Structure formats: structure tokens, C-alpha cells
Amino acid sequence: MIEVRLAVSPSEVAADAVDQLRVHAEVINRGEETVDTQLVASALYVDGQRNFPWGMAIANGARDAREHALPPGERVSADRVLGRALVSEPGEHEVVLEVAGVRSPPAKVTVTPL
């Protein structure tokens, strides 16, 4: 069994600074067997809608070799800058990561108007 965690930073940003938005994903193996986390096939949801740029972002960039064979009790993480591809509209947004059918608790990001 895996646990999925998600953070978005900064959690509050002005509309003209959303290019800074970074997503931090973490998968923890809570089971007793080594697992393939399938992080590369994960899905990100913003306000309940699938965020398709995440698929390209998570497929590219640095990878931890343990993603495909994560031992019990260990964790892997990935950081990706999504900026405007994450959110661009002012308001409070809820972001959820789904990995291998397991969803993270929601992370909140607030975009303040100019």
C-alpha cells in the first residue's frame, strides 16, 4: 500500500507571479513488499479537473530509480515547476495527486488578483 502526499508552493501567489508555482509529490511505501509506484503515470487534478500538463512534466526531468522498485518504509519524491500550467485564475484552488489509484489529501493554492 502506498501513501501519496502533495504540496504546492508557494501556497499563496499574486496573479502576476504564478510562474513560480511548484508541485512537490511524494509517494511512501506503507506496505511490506517492494512496489512500483507508477508515479510517472500519475494524474494531477485542479479543482476536480485533470491537469494534462502534469503528465508531460512528471514524465520529464530527474527520476529516482526507486520509483519502479520502492522498498517498504521508503519514499520517493518529485518536484516540478508548473507555473501557469497549474493555475492562472485568481481564487482558491484545490490540487490533488492520484498515484496508482491512491489520492493525496488536497493541497490549496490561492492566486490573489492584481
C-alpha atoms as a PDB file:
ATOM      1  CA  MET A   1       0.000   0.000   0.000  1.00  0.00           C
ATOM      2  CA  ILE A   2       1.246   3.481  -0.803  1.00  0.00           C
ATOM      3  CA  GLU A   3       0.607   6.874   0.719  1.00  0.00           C
ATOM      4  CA  VAL A   4       0.548   9.927  -1.563  1.00  0.00           C
ATOM      5  CA  ARG A   5       1.391  13.426  -0.390  1.00  0.00           C
ATOM      6  CA  LEU A   6       1.291  16.666  -2.322  1.00  0.00           C
ATOM      7  CA  ALA A   7       2.356  20.244  -1.696  1.00  0.00           C
ATOM      8  CA  VAL A   8       2.137  23.322  -3.872  1.00  0.00           C
ATOM      9  CA  SER A   9       4.474  26.206  -3.231  1.00  0.00           C
ATOM     10  CA  PRO A  10       4.077  28.987  -2.745  1.00  0.00           C
ATOM     11  CA  SER A  11       0.622  28.340  -1.318  1.00  0.00           C
ATOM     12  CA  GLU A  12      -0.345  31.955  -1.997  1.00  0.00           C
ATOM     13  CA  VAL A  13       0.849  33.880  -5.026  1.00  0.00           C
ATOM     14  CA  ALA A  14      -0.097  37.058  -6.896  1.00  0.00           C
ATOM     15  CA  ALA A  15      -1.624  36.606 -10.340  1.00  0.00           C
ATOM     16  CA  ASP A  16       1.453  38.127 -11.989  1.00  0.00           C
ATOM     17  CA  ALA A  17       3.778  35.652 -10.218  1.00  0.00           C
ATOM     18  CA  VAL A  18       2.106  32.277 -10.889  1.00  0.00           C
ATOM     19  CA  ASP A  19       5.105  31.221 -12.977  1.00  0.00           C
ATOM     20  CA  GLN A  20       6.730  30.344  -9.626  1.00  0.00           C
ATOM     21  CA  LEU A  21       4.215  27.608  -8.780  1.00  0.00           C
ATOM     22  CA  ARG A  22       5.927  24.314  -7.969  1.00  0.00           C
ATOM     23  CA  VAL A  23       4.364  20.934  -7.258  1.00  0.00           C
ATOM     24  CA  HIS A  24       6.058  18.577  -4.799  1.00  0.00           C
ATOM     25  CA  ALA A  25       4.843  14.968  -4.979  1.00  0.00           C
ATOM     26  CA  GLU A  26       5.815  12.260  -2.525  1.00  0.00           C
ATOM     27  CA  VAL A  27       4.989   8.559  -2.528  1.00  0.00           C
ATOM     28  CA  ILE A  28       5.635   6.438   0.566  1.00  0.00           C
ATOM     29  CA  ASN A  29       5.541   2.648   0.598  1.00  0.00           C
ATOM     30  CA  ARG A  30       3.474   1.728   3.675  1.00  0.00           C
ATOM     31  CA  GLY A  31       3.285  -1.950   2.747  1.00  0.00           C
ATOM     32  CA  GLU A  32       5.582  -4.895   3.365  1.00  0.00           C
ATOM     33  CA  GLU A  33       6.513  -5.566  -0.273  1.00  0.00           C
ATOM     34  CA  THR A  34       8.579  -3.567  -2.760  1.00  0.00           C
ATOM     35  CA  VAL A  35       6.227  -1.698  -5.126  1.00  0.00           C
ATOM     36  CA  ASP A  36       6.303   0.059  -8.482  1.00  0.00           C
ATOM     37  CA  THR A  37       4.908   3.464  -7.535  1.00  0.00           C
ATOM     38  CA  GLN A  38       3.744   4.258 -11.077  1.00  0.00           C
ATOM     39  CA  LEU A  39       4.488   7.919 -10.314  1.00  0.00           C
ATOM     40  CA  VAL A  40       5.254   8.555 -13.986  1.00  0.00           C
ATOM     41  CA  ALA A  41       1.637   7.589 -14.799  1.00  0.00           C
ATOM     42  CA  SER A  42       0.117   9.730 -12.029  1.00  0.00           C
ATOM     43  CA  ALA A  43      -2.688  12.225 -12.587  1.00  0.00           C
ATOM     44  CA  LEU A  44      -2.985  15.706 -11.127  1.00  0.00           C
ATOM     45  CA  TYR A  45      -6.380  17.342 -10.585  1.00  0.00           C
ATOM     46  CA  VAL A  46      -7.007  21.052 -10.113  1.00  0.00           C
ATOM     47  CA  ASP A  47     -10.468  21.971  -8.880  1.00  0.00           C
ATOM     48  CA  GLY A  48     -11.633  18.479  -9.872  1.00  0.00           C
ATOM     49  CA  GLN A  49     -10.369  18.726 -13.474  1.00  0.00           C
ATOM     50  CA  ARG A  50      -7.446  16.711 -14.786  1.00  0.00           C
ATOM     51  CA  ASN A  51      -4.337  18.826 -15.345  1.00  0.00           C
ATOM     52  CA  PHE A  52      -2.829  17.466 -18.569  1.00  0.00           C
ATOM     53  CA  PRO A  53       0.469  19.423 -18.428  1.00  0.00           C
ATOM     54  CA  TRP A  54       1.337  17.355 -15.330  1.00  0.00           C
ATOM     55  CA  GLY A  55       1.655  14.231 -17.492  1.00  0.00           C
ATOM     56  CA  MET A  56       4.423  15.797 -19.567  1.00  0.00           C
ATOM     57  CA  ALA A  57       6.058  17.393 -16.524  1.00  0.00           C
ATOM     58  CA  ILE A  58       6.233  14.176 -14.489  1.00  0.00           C
ATOM     59  CA  ALA A  59       7.424  12.155 -17.491  1.00  0.00           C
ATOM     60  CA  ASN A  60      10.371  14.539 -17.953  1.00  0.00           C
ATOM     61  CA  GLY A  61      13.073  15.641 -15.578  1.00  0.00           C
ATOM     62  CA  ALA A  62      15.080  13.906 -12.891  1.00  0.00           C
ATOM     63  CA  ARG A  63      13.857  10.476 -11.816  1.00  0.00           C
ATOM     64  CA  ASP A  64      14.586   8.447  -8.711  1.00  0.00           C
ATOM     65  CA  ALA A  65      15.362   4.857  -9.767  1.00  0.00           C
ATOM     66  CA  ARG A  66      13.417   3.610  -6.729  1.00  0.00           C
ATOM     67  CA  GLU A  67      10.149   4.807  -8.331  1.00  0.00           C
ATOM     68  CA  HIS A  68       9.929   1.417 -10.029  1.00  0.00           C
ATOM     69  CA  ALA A  69      11.014  -0.610  -7.011  1.00  0.00           C
ATOM     70  CA  LEU A  70      10.303   1.252  -3.777  1.00  0.00           C
ATOM     71  CA  PRO A  71      11.206  -0.794  -0.708  1.00  0.00           C
ATOM     72  CA  PRO A  72       8.889  -0.930   2.317  1.00  0.00           C
ATOM     73  CA  GLY A  73       9.060   2.171   4.503  1.00  0.00           C
ATOM     74  CA  GLU A  74      10.891   4.271   1.918  1.00  0.00           C
ATOM     75  CA  ARG A  75       9.732   7.279  -0.085  1.00  0.00           C
ATOM     76  CA  VAL A  76      10.382   8.922  -3.432  1.00  0.00           C
ATOM     77  CA  SER A  77       9.611  12.480  -4.363  1.00  0.00           C
ATOM     78  CA  ALA A  78       9.440  14.637  -7.460  1.00  0.00           C
ATOM     79  CA  ASP A  79       9.389  18.412  -7.807  1.00  0.00           C
ATOM     80  CA  ARG A  80       8.108  20.084 -10.941  1.00  0.00           C
ATOM     81  CA  VAL A  81       7.548  23.748 -11.762  1.00  0.00           C
ATOM     82  CA  LEU A  82       4.187  24.075 -13.499  1.00  0.00           C
ATOM     83  CA  GLY A  83       3.559  27.807 -13.164  1.00  0.00           C
ATOM     84  CA  ARG A  84       0.597  28.942 -15.268  1.00  0.00           C
ATOM     85  CA  ALA A  85       0.055  25.374 -16.422  1.00  0.00           C
ATOM     86  CA  LEU A  86      -1.134  24.634 -12.875  1.00  0.00           C
ATOM     87  CA  VAL A  87      -3.437  27.624 -12.270  1.00  0.00           C
ATOM     88  CA  SER A  88      -3.689  31.158 -13.578  1.00  0.00           C
ATOM     89  CA  GLU A  89      -7.096  32.411 -12.455  1.00  0.00           C
ATOM     90  CA  PRO A  90      -7.429  34.329  -9.187  1.00  0.00           C
ATOM     91  CA  GLY A  91      -9.066  32.485  -6.311  1.00  0.00           C
ATOM     92  CA  GLU A  92      -8.505  29.482  -4.079  1.00  0.00           C
ATOM     93  CA  HIS A  93      -7.726  26.253  -5.913  1.00  0.00           C
ATOM     94  CA  GLU A  94      -7.629  22.659  -4.704  1.00  0.00           C
ATOM     95  CA  VAL A  95      -4.959  20.346  -6.110  1.00  0.00           C
ATOM     96  CA  VAL A  96      -4.967  16.546  -5.714  1.00  0.00           C
ATOM     97  CA  LEU A  97      -2.475  13.957  -6.964  1.00  0.00           C
ATOM     98  CA  GLU A  98      -3.555  10.411  -7.813  1.00  0.00           C
ATOM     99  CA  VAL A  99      -0.895   7.701  -7.982  1.00  0.00           C
ATOM    100  CA  ALA A 100      -1.857   4.077  -8.708  1.00  0.00           C
ATOM    101  CA  GLY A 101      -5.447   4.800  -7.666  1.00  0.00           C
ATOM    102  CA  VAL A 102      -4.455   6.452  -4.365  1.00  0.00           C
ATOM    103  CA  ARG A 103      -5.261  10.140  -3.927  1.00  0.00           C
ATOM    104  CA  SER A 104      -3.358  12.654  -1.857  1.00  0.00           C
ATOM    105  CA  PRO A 105      -5.074  14.925   0.609  1.00  0.00           C
ATOM    106  CA  PRO A 106      -5.861  18.175  -1.212  1.00  0.00           C
ATOM    107  CA  ALA A 107      -3.318  20.974  -1.323  1.00  0.00           C
ATOM    108  CA  LYS A 108      -4.602  24.527  -1.526  1.00  0.00           C
ATOM    109  CA  VAL A 109      -3.143  27.342  -3.596  1.00  0.00           C
ATOM    110  CA  THR A 110      -4.513  30.860  -3.605  1.00  0.00           C
ATOM    111  CA  VAL A 111      -3.944  33.211  -6.517  1.00  0.00           C
ATOM    112  CA  THR A 112      -4.544  36.804  -5.488  1.00  0.00           C
ATOM    113  CA  PRO A 113      -5.746  39.314  -8.094  1.00  0.00           C
ATOM    114  CA  LEU A 114      -3.524  42.176  -9.195  1.00  0.00           C
END
